[in-house]
N, C-alpha and C. Protein backbone atom coordinates (compact mmCIF):
# COMPACT_ATOMS: atom_id res chain seq x y z
N UNK A 1 144.62 117.98 136.77
CA UNK A 1 144.46 117.03 136.64
C UNK A 1 143.82 117.25 138.32
N UNK A 2 143.00 115.94 137.88
CA UNK A 2 141.54 116.02 138.37
C UNK A 2 142.80 114.92 140.35
N UNK A 3 141.54 114.94 140.96
CA UNK A 3 141.52 113.74 141.90
C UNK A 3 141.06 112.37 141.37
N UNK A 4 141.72 111.46 141.27
CA UNK A 4 141.65 110.08 141.60
C UNK A 4 140.61 109.36 141.68
N UNK A 5 139.91 108.88 140.56
CA UNK A 5 138.67 108.49 141.81
C UNK A 5 138.74 106.98 141.85
N UNK A 6 138.12 106.60 142.88
CA UNK A 6 138.02 105.71 144.36
C UNK A 6 137.56 104.67 143.97
N UNK A 7 137.70 103.87 143.77
CA UNK A 7 136.41 102.69 143.30
C UNK A 7 136.66 101.79 144.47
N UNK A 8 134.94 102.16 144.39
CA UNK A 8 134.26 101.26 145.67
C UNK A 8 134.62 99.86 145.04
N UNK A 9 134.83 99.29 146.76
CA UNK A 9 134.74 97.14 146.28
C UNK A 9 133.42 96.98 146.76
N UNK A 10 132.53 95.78 145.86
CA UNK A 10 131.45 95.87 146.25
C UNK A 10 131.55 94.80 147.22
N UNK A 11 130.53 95.20 148.48
CA UNK A 11 130.41 94.01 149.32
C UNK A 11 129.91 92.62 148.89
N UNK A 12 131.21 91.77 149.44
CA UNK A 12 131.08 89.98 149.26
C UNK A 12 131.20 89.29 149.90
N UNK A 13 130.95 88.27 149.80
CA UNK A 13 131.42 86.60 151.34
C UNK A 13 131.66 85.84 150.44
N UNK A 14 132.76 85.32 151.48
CA UNK A 14 133.21 84.06 151.31
C UNK A 14 132.85 83.59 151.77
N UNK A 15 132.16 82.52 150.90
CA UNK A 15 131.40 80.93 151.65
C UNK A 15 133.30 79.82 151.56
N UNK A 16 133.17 79.64 152.93
CA UNK A 16 134.22 78.66 152.90
C UNK A 16 133.36 76.26 152.26
N UNK A 17 134.09 76.06 151.92
CA UNK A 17 133.58 74.86 151.90
C UNK A 17 134.67 74.03 153.14
N UNK A 18 134.36 74.27 154.25
CA UNK A 18 135.25 73.69 155.04
C UNK A 18 133.79 71.37 155.28
N UNK A 19 134.67 71.13 155.57
CA UNK A 19 134.00 70.10 156.20
C UNK A 19 135.11 68.76 157.26
N UNK A 20 134.18 67.73 157.56
CA UNK A 20 134.77 67.21 158.16
C UNK A 20 136.10 65.63 157.62
N UNK A 21 137.55 65.72 157.71
CA UNK A 21 138.40 65.38 156.87
C UNK A 21 138.07 63.47 157.37
N UNK A 22 138.14 62.86 156.79
CA UNK A 22 137.76 61.27 156.68
C UNK A 22 138.79 60.35 157.37
N UNK A 23 140.26 61.30 157.49
CA UNK A 23 141.42 60.55 157.86
C UNK A 23 140.87 60.97 159.72
N UNK A 24 140.44 62.28 160.17
CA UNK A 24 139.97 62.50 161.38
C UNK A 24 138.87 62.08 162.13
N UNK A 25 138.13 61.31 161.14
CA UNK A 25 137.07 60.27 161.31
C UNK A 25 137.61 58.85 161.82
N UNK A 26 138.50 59.09 160.53
CA UNK A 26 138.42 56.87 160.19
C UNK A 26 139.42 56.98 162.21
N UNK A 27 140.06 57.71 162.16
CA UNK A 27 141.38 57.72 163.32
C UNK A 27 140.59 57.24 165.10
N UNK A 28 139.42 58.25 164.56
CA UNK A 28 138.72 58.97 165.97
C UNK A 28 137.89 57.05 165.75
N UNK A 29 137.36 56.58 165.18
CA UNK A 29 137.17 55.00 164.63
C UNK A 29 137.94 54.28 165.39
N UNK A 30 138.76 54.26 165.20
CA UNK A 30 140.01 53.39 165.04
C UNK A 30 140.41 52.96 166.54
N UNK A 31 140.25 54.22 167.61
CA UNK A 31 140.27 55.06 168.75
C UNK A 31 139.20 53.69 169.67
N UNK A 32 138.32 53.77 169.39
CA UNK A 32 136.91 53.35 169.95
C UNK A 32 136.94 52.13 169.28
N UNK A 33 137.36 51.68 168.38
CA UNK A 33 137.24 49.98 167.98
C UNK A 33 138.35 49.15 169.15
N UNK A 34 139.60 50.21 168.69
CA UNK A 34 140.49 49.87 169.96
C UNK A 34 139.88 49.62 171.58
N UNK A 35 139.34 50.50 172.09
CA UNK A 35 138.52 50.27 173.59
C UNK A 35 138.28 49.69 174.02
N UNK A 36 136.98 49.24 172.75
CA UNK A 36 135.85 48.53 173.07
C UNK A 36 136.88 46.71 172.87
N UNK A 37 137.42 46.71 172.51
CA UNK A 37 138.60 45.20 171.97
C UNK A 37 138.60 44.65 173.56
N UNK A 38 140.07 46.44 173.43
CA UNK A 38 140.72 46.35 175.16
C UNK A 38 139.26 46.23 175.92
N UNK A 39 138.41 46.42 176.37
CA UNK A 39 137.78 46.33 177.32
C UNK A 39 136.81 44.91 177.20
N UNK A 40 135.96 44.48 176.08
CA UNK A 40 136.48 43.23 176.14
C UNK A 40 137.04 41.73 176.98
N UNK A 41 138.95 42.46 176.49
CA UNK A 41 139.27 41.40 176.72
C UNK A 41 140.00 41.91 178.39
N UNK A 42 139.90 42.79 179.07
CA UNK A 42 139.72 42.52 180.12
C UNK A 42 138.85 42.32 181.39
N UNK A 43 136.96 42.80 180.98
CA UNK A 43 135.51 41.72 181.40
C UNK A 43 136.29 40.24 180.67
N UNK A 44 136.81 39.99 179.50
CA UNK A 44 137.34 38.06 179.73
C UNK A 44 137.32 37.30 180.66
N UNK A 45 138.44 38.69 180.22
CA UNK A 45 140.13 38.11 181.84
C UNK A 45 139.46 37.75 183.37
N UNK A 46 138.43 38.22 183.38
CA UNK A 46 138.26 38.49 184.61
C UNK A 46 137.20 37.94 184.65
N UNK A 47 136.63 37.58 183.67
CA UNK A 47 135.74 36.14 183.93
C UNK A 47 136.17 35.22 184.12
N UNK A 48 137.40 34.98 183.66
CA UNK A 48 138.03 33.89 183.47
C UNK A 48 139.12 33.21 184.69
N UNK A 49 140.10 34.55 185.16
CA UNK A 49 140.51 34.64 186.81
C UNK A 49 141.62 34.90 185.89
N UNK A 50 142.25 35.44 185.24
CA UNK A 50 143.24 36.14 184.60
C UNK A 50 144.34 35.19 183.57
N UNK A 51 142.71 34.04 183.37
CA UNK A 51 144.05 32.57 183.08
C UNK A 51 143.41 32.48 181.18
N UNK A 52 143.93 33.30 179.98
CA UNK A 52 143.64 33.38 179.10
C UNK A 52 144.16 32.58 177.82
N UNK A 53 144.54 33.00 176.77
CA UNK A 53 145.39 32.78 175.76
C UNK A 53 145.84 33.56 175.35
N UNK A 54 146.63 33.22 174.32
CA UNK A 54 148.16 34.05 173.84
C UNK A 54 146.82 34.64 172.40
N UNK A 55 145.82 34.69 172.57
CA UNK A 55 145.56 35.21 171.30
C UNK A 55 145.07 36.98 171.98
N UNK A 56 144.78 37.20 173.51
CA UNK A 56 144.67 37.99 173.91
C UNK A 56 145.88 39.00 173.77
N UNK A 57 146.83 38.12 173.66
CA UNK A 57 148.24 39.09 173.11
C UNK A 57 148.39 39.58 172.16
N UNK A 58 148.07 39.21 170.54
CA UNK A 58 148.17 39.18 169.78
C UNK A 58 146.81 40.36 169.43
N UNK A 59 145.54 40.47 169.79
CA UNK A 59 145.37 41.39 170.04
C UNK A 59 145.36 42.50 170.22
N UNK A 60 146.09 42.23 171.47
CA UNK A 60 146.00 44.16 172.30
C UNK A 60 147.52 44.54 171.49
N UNK A 61 148.24 43.73 170.74
CA UNK A 61 149.13 44.20 169.95
C UNK A 61 149.25 44.66 169.01
N UNK A 62 147.70 43.99 168.55
CA UNK A 62 146.90 44.44 167.06
C UNK A 62 146.17 45.84 167.19
N UNK A 63 146.33 46.07 168.51
CA UNK A 63 144.92 47.48 169.06
C UNK A 63 146.40 48.42 169.43
N UNK A 64 147.59 47.76 169.13
CA UNK A 64 148.99 49.37 169.21
C UNK A 64 148.96 49.98 167.69
N UNK A 65 149.04 49.23 167.10
CA UNK A 65 149.62 49.18 165.98
C UNK A 65 148.05 49.59 165.62
N UNK A 66 146.37 50.13 165.40
CA UNK A 66 146.02 50.19 165.43
C UNK A 66 145.62 52.24 165.85
N UNK A 67 146.37 51.52 166.98
CA UNK A 67 146.29 53.36 168.34
C UNK A 67 147.34 54.12 167.01
N UNK A 68 148.79 53.49 166.55
CA UNK A 68 149.41 54.11 166.09
C UNK A 68 149.51 54.92 165.59
N UNK A 69 148.53 54.25 164.44
CA UNK A 69 147.65 53.98 162.41
C UNK A 69 146.92 54.83 163.55
N UNK A 70 145.93 55.19 163.94
CA UNK A 70 144.50 56.10 164.82
C UNK A 70 145.65 57.84 164.52
N UNK A 71 146.23 57.66 164.99
CA UNK A 71 147.84 58.95 165.90
C UNK A 71 148.11 59.47 163.97
N UNK A 72 148.03 58.44 163.32
CA UNK A 72 149.21 59.27 162.08
C UNK A 72 147.59 59.77 161.39
N UNK A 73 146.29 58.93 160.91
CA UNK A 73 145.47 60.08 160.87
C UNK A 73 144.76 61.08 161.18
N UNK A 74 145.33 61.59 162.26
CA UNK A 74 144.71 62.50 162.72
C UNK A 74 145.80 63.54 162.30
N UNK A 75 146.70 63.33 162.43
CA UNK A 75 147.95 64.04 162.39
C UNK A 75 148.18 64.64 160.83
N UNK A 76 147.67 63.76 160.13
CA UNK A 76 147.19 63.70 158.33
C UNK A 76 146.16 65.08 158.04
N UNK A 77 144.84 64.54 159.47
CA UNK A 77 143.56 65.31 159.07
C UNK A 77 144.42 66.84 159.32
N UNK A 78 145.53 66.81 160.07
CA UNK A 78 145.51 68.68 160.37
C UNK A 78 145.95 69.23 159.61
N UNK A 79 147.03 68.25 158.52
CA UNK A 79 147.26 69.49 157.71
C UNK A 79 146.32 69.83 155.89
N UNK A 80 145.49 68.20 156.19
CA UNK A 80 144.93 69.22 155.39
C UNK A 80 143.80 70.80 155.29
N UNK A 81 143.62 70.97 153.60
CA UNK A 81 142.92 72.58 154.10
C UNK A 81 140.81 72.25 154.24
N UNK A 82 141.18 73.48 154.28
CA UNK A 82 139.95 73.79 154.50
C UNK A 82 138.73 72.47 155.61
N UNK A 83 139.50 71.52 156.29
CA UNK A 83 138.79 70.65 157.83
C UNK A 83 138.26 71.22 158.67
N UNK A 84 137.76 70.87 159.86
CA UNK A 84 137.52 71.03 161.09
C UNK A 84 138.44 70.70 161.85
N UNK A 85 139.52 71.41 162.30
CA UNK A 85 140.65 70.83 163.29
C UNK A 85 139.94 70.08 164.91
N UNK A 86 138.50 69.84 164.86
CA UNK A 86 138.22 69.41 166.37
C UNK A 86 138.88 67.78 165.77
N UNK A 87 138.28 67.55 165.50
CA UNK A 87 138.17 65.51 165.36
C UNK A 87 139.48 65.17 165.25
N UNK A 88 140.49 65.71 164.78
CA UNK A 88 141.85 65.41 164.21
C UNK A 88 142.74 65.58 165.74
N UNK A 89 142.67 66.46 166.27
CA UNK A 89 142.68 66.78 168.04
C UNK A 89 141.81 65.59 168.50
N UNK A 90 141.25 65.75 168.64
CA UNK A 90 140.02 64.10 169.06
C UNK A 90 141.17 62.69 168.90
N UNK A 91 141.22 63.20 168.10
CA UNK A 91 141.63 61.38 167.12
C UNK A 91 143.61 61.28 167.66
N UNK A 92 143.89 62.20 168.11
CA UNK A 92 145.39 61.80 168.98
C UNK A 92 144.94 61.73 169.90
N UNK A 93 144.17 62.54 170.54
CA UNK A 93 143.79 62.36 172.46
C UNK A 93 143.24 61.08 172.39
N UNK A 94 143.25 60.76 171.50
CA UNK A 94 142.50 59.38 172.19
C UNK A 94 143.35 58.20 171.94
N UNK A 95 143.38 58.00 171.02
CA UNK A 95 145.07 57.31 170.92
C UNK A 95 145.98 57.69 171.04
N UNK A 96 146.33 58.63 171.68
CA UNK A 96 147.18 58.64 172.92
C UNK A 96 146.84 58.27 174.04
N UNK A 97 146.26 58.51 174.48
CA UNK A 97 145.90 57.87 175.92
C UNK A 97 145.78 56.79 175.55
N UNK A 98 144.96 56.00 174.95
CA UNK A 98 145.44 54.90 174.42
C UNK A 98 146.37 53.54 174.81
N UNK A 99 147.05 54.76 174.05
CA UNK A 99 148.72 53.85 173.98
C UNK A 99 149.30 54.30 175.54
N UNK A 100 149.33 55.56 176.01
CA UNK A 100 149.84 55.17 177.16
C UNK A 100 149.20 54.47 178.20
N UNK A 101 147.90 54.12 177.61
CA UNK A 101 147.10 53.48 178.52
C UNK A 101 147.94 51.66 178.77
N UNK A 102 148.25 51.54 177.34
CA UNK A 102 149.02 50.45 177.20
C UNK A 102 149.90 49.77 177.85
N UNK A 103 150.73 51.46 177.79
CA UNK A 103 152.79 51.46 178.44
C UNK A 103 151.98 51.56 179.37
N UNK A 104 151.23 51.90 180.52
CA UNK A 104 151.11 52.24 181.51
C UNK A 104 150.64 50.26 182.35
N UNK A 105 149.90 49.96 181.21
CA UNK A 105 149.81 48.20 182.02
C UNK A 105 150.74 47.42 181.92
N UNK A 106 151.56 47.44 180.86
CA UNK A 106 153.18 46.52 180.61
C UNK A 106 154.15 47.46 181.50
N UNK A 107 154.39 48.75 182.24
CA UNK A 107 155.36 48.90 182.83
C UNK A 107 154.83 48.06 184.12
N UNK A 108 153.01 48.34 184.50
CA UNK A 108 152.31 47.60 186.35
C UNK A 108 152.83 46.04 185.94
N UNK A 109 152.56 45.53 184.99
CA UNK A 109 152.50 43.80 184.98
C UNK A 109 154.24 43.57 184.42
N UNK A 110 155.27 44.34 184.69
CA UNK A 110 157.00 44.17 184.35
C UNK A 110 157.03 44.34 186.18
N UNK A 111 156.25 45.28 186.08
CA UNK A 111 156.65 45.19 188.29
C UNK A 111 155.68 44.57 189.00
N UNK A 112 154.69 44.02 188.84
CA UNK A 112 154.33 43.72 189.86
C UNK A 112 154.22 42.21 189.93
N UNK A 113 155.27 41.71 188.19
CA UNK A 113 155.59 39.99 188.16
C UNK A 113 157.29 39.96 188.98
């Protein structure tokens, strides 16, 4: 019996279809929208010397909910296959920083009052 013939493997390339996840982009957009709304509220509050309507609190609470949704979107995007992970991490980080800033504002307002 002769030597077994070694089968040569073809040189092949595997192209991936990596793409940006819709959920990670949505998470980043939610963080940017919340940051813009918070900046507008701070500027408006400064112009009115701290006398603002109750709607500012509603916008702030809605902003926190949007940040929580942004974190969930970032986590979901990290669980998808063949996607870039950087936007998902950025979405989680931006929304996390926004939530931490809201917590700091609430703690400072309780301490100062």
